[in-house]
């Protein structure tokens, strides 16, 4: 499995793309080129990106139009966009850029240290959020499996309690131990979750609470 983050580089000039790749290569991430706004939008349909470096002045769709389209899409509305502008660009660019959804501006020619530092922050955030999403999904699957197991155990115990000489049991210690472990993991992950994932965590919490009720003695 490739754990590298994808960084989308959008510029119509070959020399600018080469410069970006040279500066960012030390981050050891997956650098993807797009030579136009249209090409960038197509790339976003199929892959998930940590950040976009987007040139402002391009033929066809310029950077502002491209950014607005990106922010209109539910899948990419939270994707950070860093605009690339010329040093002597129109002062109004900053206002228009932030209005279109940019998180930052970097002027050409690029300061390699500044560019790498800013991009690495978004790569780290993307990686951390992805890990949390994966952990949340795994915990949700574990909770569903535990609920199925506890339901089967409860049905078995209720059936056994009706037989002569059989006493009802209050769940399986192994299931209870696994539930405790999953709950502990969920609490750890929950402390780190960003606001965008709170809904999934709250649902997981409800499932774990339901499981605890099922496994309680006499439940």
Protein backbone atom coordinates (compact mmCIF):
# COMPACT_ATOMS: atom_id res chain seq x y z
CA UNK A 1 0.00 0.00 0.00
CA UNK A 2 1.38 3.43 -0.99
CA UNK A 3 1.16 5.82 1.97
CA UNK A 4 2.52 8.82 0.06
CA UNK A 5 0.32 11.89 -0.15
CA UNK A 6 -0.53 13.36 -3.54
CA UNK A 7 0.32 16.99 -4.25
CA UNK A 8 -1.27 18.57 -7.32
CA UNK A 9 0.92 21.05 -9.21
CA UNK A 10 -1.08 23.24 -11.61
CA UNK A 11 0.80 25.50 -14.02
CA UNK A 12 0.72 25.96 -17.78
CA UNK A 13 4.47 26.57 -18.02
CA UNK A 14 6.82 23.57 -18.14
CA UNK A 15 9.70 25.42 -16.46
CA UNK A 16 7.52 26.26 -13.48
CA UNK A 17 6.42 22.64 -13.05
CA UNK A 18 10.05 21.51 -13.23
CA UNK A 19 11.00 24.06 -10.57
CA UNK A 20 8.18 22.93 -8.27
CA UNK A 21 9.13 19.28 -8.66
CA UNK A 22 12.80 20.04 -7.93
CA UNK A 23 11.92 21.95 -4.75
CA UNK A 24 9.35 19.44 -3.45
CA UNK A 25 11.12 16.21 -4.40
CA UNK A 26 12.83 16.04 -0.99
CA UNK A 27 9.41 15.64 0.68
CA UNK A 28 9.20 12.20 -0.99
CA UNK A 29 5.53 12.54 -1.85
CA UNK A 30 3.58 11.85 -5.06
CA UNK A 31 3.80 14.96 -7.26
CA UNK A 32 1.09 15.13 -9.93
CA UNK A 33 1.16 17.62 -12.82
CA UNK A 34 -1.73 19.50 -14.41
CA UNK A 35 -1.13 21.96 -17.26
CA UNK A 36 -4.50 23.72 -17.00
CA UNK A 37 -7.47 24.31 -14.73
CA UNK A 38 -9.52 21.79 -16.70
CA UNK A 39 -6.82 19.15 -16.31
CA UNK A 40 -6.64 19.83 -12.58
CA UNK A 41 -10.39 19.34 -12.15
CA UNK A 42 -10.18 16.00 -13.99
CA UNK A 43 -7.34 14.86 -11.72
CA UNK A 44 -9.45 15.64 -8.65
CA UNK A 45 -12.23 13.34 -9.85
CA UNK A 46 -10.17 10.19 -9.37
CA UNK A 47 -7.61 10.84 -6.61
CA UNK A 48 -7.36 12.39 -3.17
CA UNK A 49 -4.83 15.17 -2.68
CA UNK A 50 -3.21 16.75 0.37
CA UNK A 51 -2.77 20.20 -1.17
CA UNK A 52 -2.89 22.02 -4.52
CA UNK A 53 -0.31 24.50 -5.77
CA UNK A 54 -2.28 26.54 -8.28
CA UNK A 55 -0.95 29.14 -10.70
CA UNK A 56 -3.14 32.23 -10.96
CA UNK A 57 -2.50 33.25 -14.57
CA UNK A 58 -3.28 30.47 -17.06
CA UNK A 59 -4.97 30.38 -20.47
CA UNK A 60 -8.54 29.12 -20.46
CA UNK A 61 -9.60 28.69 -16.84
CA UNK A 62 -7.42 30.84 -14.62
CA UNK A 63 -6.54 29.98 -11.05
CA UNK A 64 -9.49 31.84 -9.54
CA UNK A 65 -12.03 30.01 -11.69
CA UNK A 66 -10.38 26.69 -11.00
CA UNK A 67 -10.38 27.31 -7.25
CA UNK A 68 -14.07 28.26 -7.26
CA UNK A 69 -14.95 25.04 -9.08
CA UNK A 70 -12.88 23.02 -6.61
CA UNK A 71 -14.66 24.61 -3.65
CA UNK A 72 -18.10 23.98 -5.19
CA UNK A 73 -17.54 20.22 -5.15
CA UNK A 74 -18.42 18.44 -1.94
CA UNK A 75 -15.50 16.02 -2.31
CA UNK A 76 -12.87 18.77 -2.63
CA UNK A 77 -14.36 21.77 -0.83
CA UNK A 78 -11.97 21.35 2.12
CA UNK A 79 -8.88 20.79 -0.01
CA UNK A 80 -6.22 23.44 0.78
CA UNK A 81 -5.16 25.60 -2.18
CA UNK A 82 -1.93 27.61 -2.30
CA UNK A 83 -1.91 30.19 -5.10
CA UNK A 84 1.28 30.86 -7.04
CA UNK A 85 1.64 34.47 -8.24
CA UNK A 86 4.26 36.73 -9.77
CA UNK A 87 6.00 39.21 -7.48
CA UNK A 88 4.57 42.17 -9.39
CA UNK A 89 1.05 40.74 -9.62
CA UNK A 90 -2.08 42.83 -9.16
CA UNK A 91 -2.60 43.72 -5.44
CA UNK A 92 -6.23 42.71 -5.91
CA UNK A 93 -5.11 39.09 -6.49
CA UNK A 94 -4.83 38.41 -2.78
CA UNK A 95 -8.41 39.48 -2.09
CA UNK A 96 -9.74 37.52 -5.06
CA UNK A 97 -7.67 34.48 -4.12
CA UNK A 98 -8.87 34.28 -0.52
CA UNK A 99 -12.42 34.88 -1.71
CA UNK A 100 -12.02 31.91 -4.07
CA UNK A 101 -10.86 29.68 -1.21
CA UNK A 102 -7.07 29.96 -1.09
CA UNK A 103 -5.29 29.29 2.20
CA UNK A 104 -2.06 31.04 1.18
CA UNK A 105 -0.09 32.81 -1.55
CA UNK A 106 3.49 32.18 -2.67
CA UNK A 107 5.26 34.53 -5.03
CA UNK A 108 7.48 33.53 -7.92
CA UNK A 109 10.39 32.94 -7.94
CA UNK A 110 9.80 30.53 -5.04
CA UNK A 111 11.81 30.49 -1.85
CA UNK A 112 12.52 26.73 -1.64
CA UNK A 113 12.53 26.64 2.17
CA UNK A 114 9.26 28.53 2.51
CA UNK A 115 7.54 26.47 -0.18
CA UNK A 116 8.63 23.14 1.31
CA UNK A 117 7.69 24.21 4.83
CA UNK A 118 4.18 25.30 3.85
CA UNK A 119 3.47 22.23 1.73
CA UNK A 120 4.85 19.85 4.37
CA UNK A 121 2.36 21.23 6.94
CA UNK A 122 -0.60 20.31 4.73
CA UNK A 123 0.91 16.92 3.89
CA UNK A 124 1.27 16.16 7.60
CA UNK A 125 -2.32 17.23 8.30
CA UNK A 126 -3.60 15.12 5.42
CA UNK A 127 -1.67 12.07 6.58
CA UNK A 128 -2.87 12.47 10.17
CA UNK A 129 -6.51 12.87 9.12
CA UNK A 130 -6.29 9.83 6.85
CA UNK A 131 -4.87 7.72 9.68
CA UNK A 132 -7.69 8.85 11.98
CA UNK A 133 -10.31 8.05 9.33
CA UNK A 134 -8.82 4.58 8.87
CA UNK A 135 -8.75 3.98 12.62
CA UNK A 136 -12.34 5.14 12.99
CA UNK A 137 -13.47 2.83 10.17
CA UNK A 138 -11.66 -0.12 11.77
CA UNK A 139 -13.18 0.58 15.17
CA UNK A 140 -16.62 0.83 13.59
CA UNK A 141 -16.14 -2.60 11.96
CA UNK A 142 -14.95 -4.08 15.27
CA UNK A 143 -17.96 -2.63 17.09
CA UNK A 144 -20.33 -4.12 14.52
CA UNK A 145 -18.69 -7.54 14.87
CA UNK A 146 -18.85 -7.38 18.66
CA UNK A 147 -22.51 -6.42 18.52
CA UNK A 148 -23.25 -9.41 16.29
CA UNK A 149 -21.34 -11.74 18.61
CA UNK A 150 -23.00 -10.40 21.74
CA UNK A 151 -26.46 -10.72 20.16
CA UNK A 152 -25.76 -14.37 19.31
CA UNK A 153 -24.47 -15.02 22.84
CA UNK A 154 -27.51 -13.41 24.41
CA UNK A 155 -29.84 -15.47 22.23
CA UNK A 156 -27.94 -18.63 23.14
CA UNK A 157 -28.06 -17.82 26.85
CA UNK A 158 -31.79 -17.06 26.75
CA UNK A 159 -32.43 -20.35 24.96
CA UNK A 160 -30.25 -22.24 27.44
CA UNK A 161 -31.95 -20.72 30.47
CA UNK A 162 -35.18 -22.45 29.51
CA UNK A 163 -33.63 -25.92 29.56
CA UNK A 164 -33.66 -28.06 32.72
CA UNK A 165 -30.51 -27.68 34.78
CA UNK A 166 -29.19 -24.80 32.68
CA UNK A 167 -28.62 -21.45 34.31
CA UNK A 168 -28.57 -18.25 32.26
CA UNK A 169 -25.21 -16.62 31.66
CA UNK A 170 -24.55 -12.93 31.47
CA UNK A 171 -22.47 -12.78 28.28
CA UNK A 172 -19.03 -14.04 27.37
CA UNK A 173 -15.96 -12.67 29.25
CA UNK A 174 -13.93 -12.70 26.02
CA UNK A 175 -16.49 -10.53 24.25
CA UNK A 176 -16.56 -8.16 27.24
CA UNK A 177 -12.77 -7.92 27.20
CA UNK A 178 -12.74 -7.16 23.48
CA UNK A 179 -15.42 -4.53 23.99
CA UNK A 180 -13.32 -2.87 26.69
CA UNK A 181 -10.29 -2.84 24.36
CA UNK A 182 -12.29 -1.34 21.48
CA UNK A 183 -13.77 1.28 23.80
CA UNK A 184 -10.32 2.27 25.02
CA UNK A 185 -9.05 2.57 21.43
CA UNK A 186 -12.10 4.60 20.46
CA UNK A 187 -11.54 7.06 23.31
CA UNK A 188 -7.90 7.52 22.27
CA UNK A 189 -8.82 8.14 18.63
CA UNK A 190 -11.75 10.36 19.59
CA UNK A 191 -9.46 12.84 21.35
CA UNK A 192 -7.57 13.43 18.10
CA UNK A 193 -10.44 13.51 15.60
CA UNK A 194 -11.00 16.72 13.62
CA UNK A 195 -14.47 18.23 13.61
CA UNK A 196 -15.22 16.75 10.17
CA UNK A 197 -15.10 13.22 11.60
CA UNK A 198 -17.04 13.80 14.83
CA UNK A 199 -20.23 12.38 13.33
CA UNK A 200 -18.59 9.00 12.70
CA UNK A 201 -17.14 8.94 16.20
CA UNK A 202 -20.48 9.80 17.82
CA UNK A 203 -22.11 6.92 15.90
CA UNK A 204 -19.37 4.58 17.12
CA UNK A 205 -19.93 5.75 20.69
CA UNK A 206 -23.64 4.94 20.39
CA UNK A 207 -22.87 1.44 19.12
CA UNK A 208 -20.42 0.79 21.95
CA UNK A 209 -22.97 2.03 24.51
CA UNK A 210 -25.57 -0.34 23.06
CA UNK A 211 -23.08 -3.21 23.31
CA UNK A 212 -22.37 -2.44 26.96
CA UNK A 213 -26.10 -2.60 27.69
CA UNK A 214 -26.35 -5.98 26.00
CA UNK A 215 -23.43 -7.37 27.99
CA UNK A 216 -24.48 -6.01 31.36
CA UNK A 217 -25.49 -8.73 33.84
CA UNK A 218 -29.20 -9.31 33.64
CA UNK A 219 -29.36 -7.11 30.45
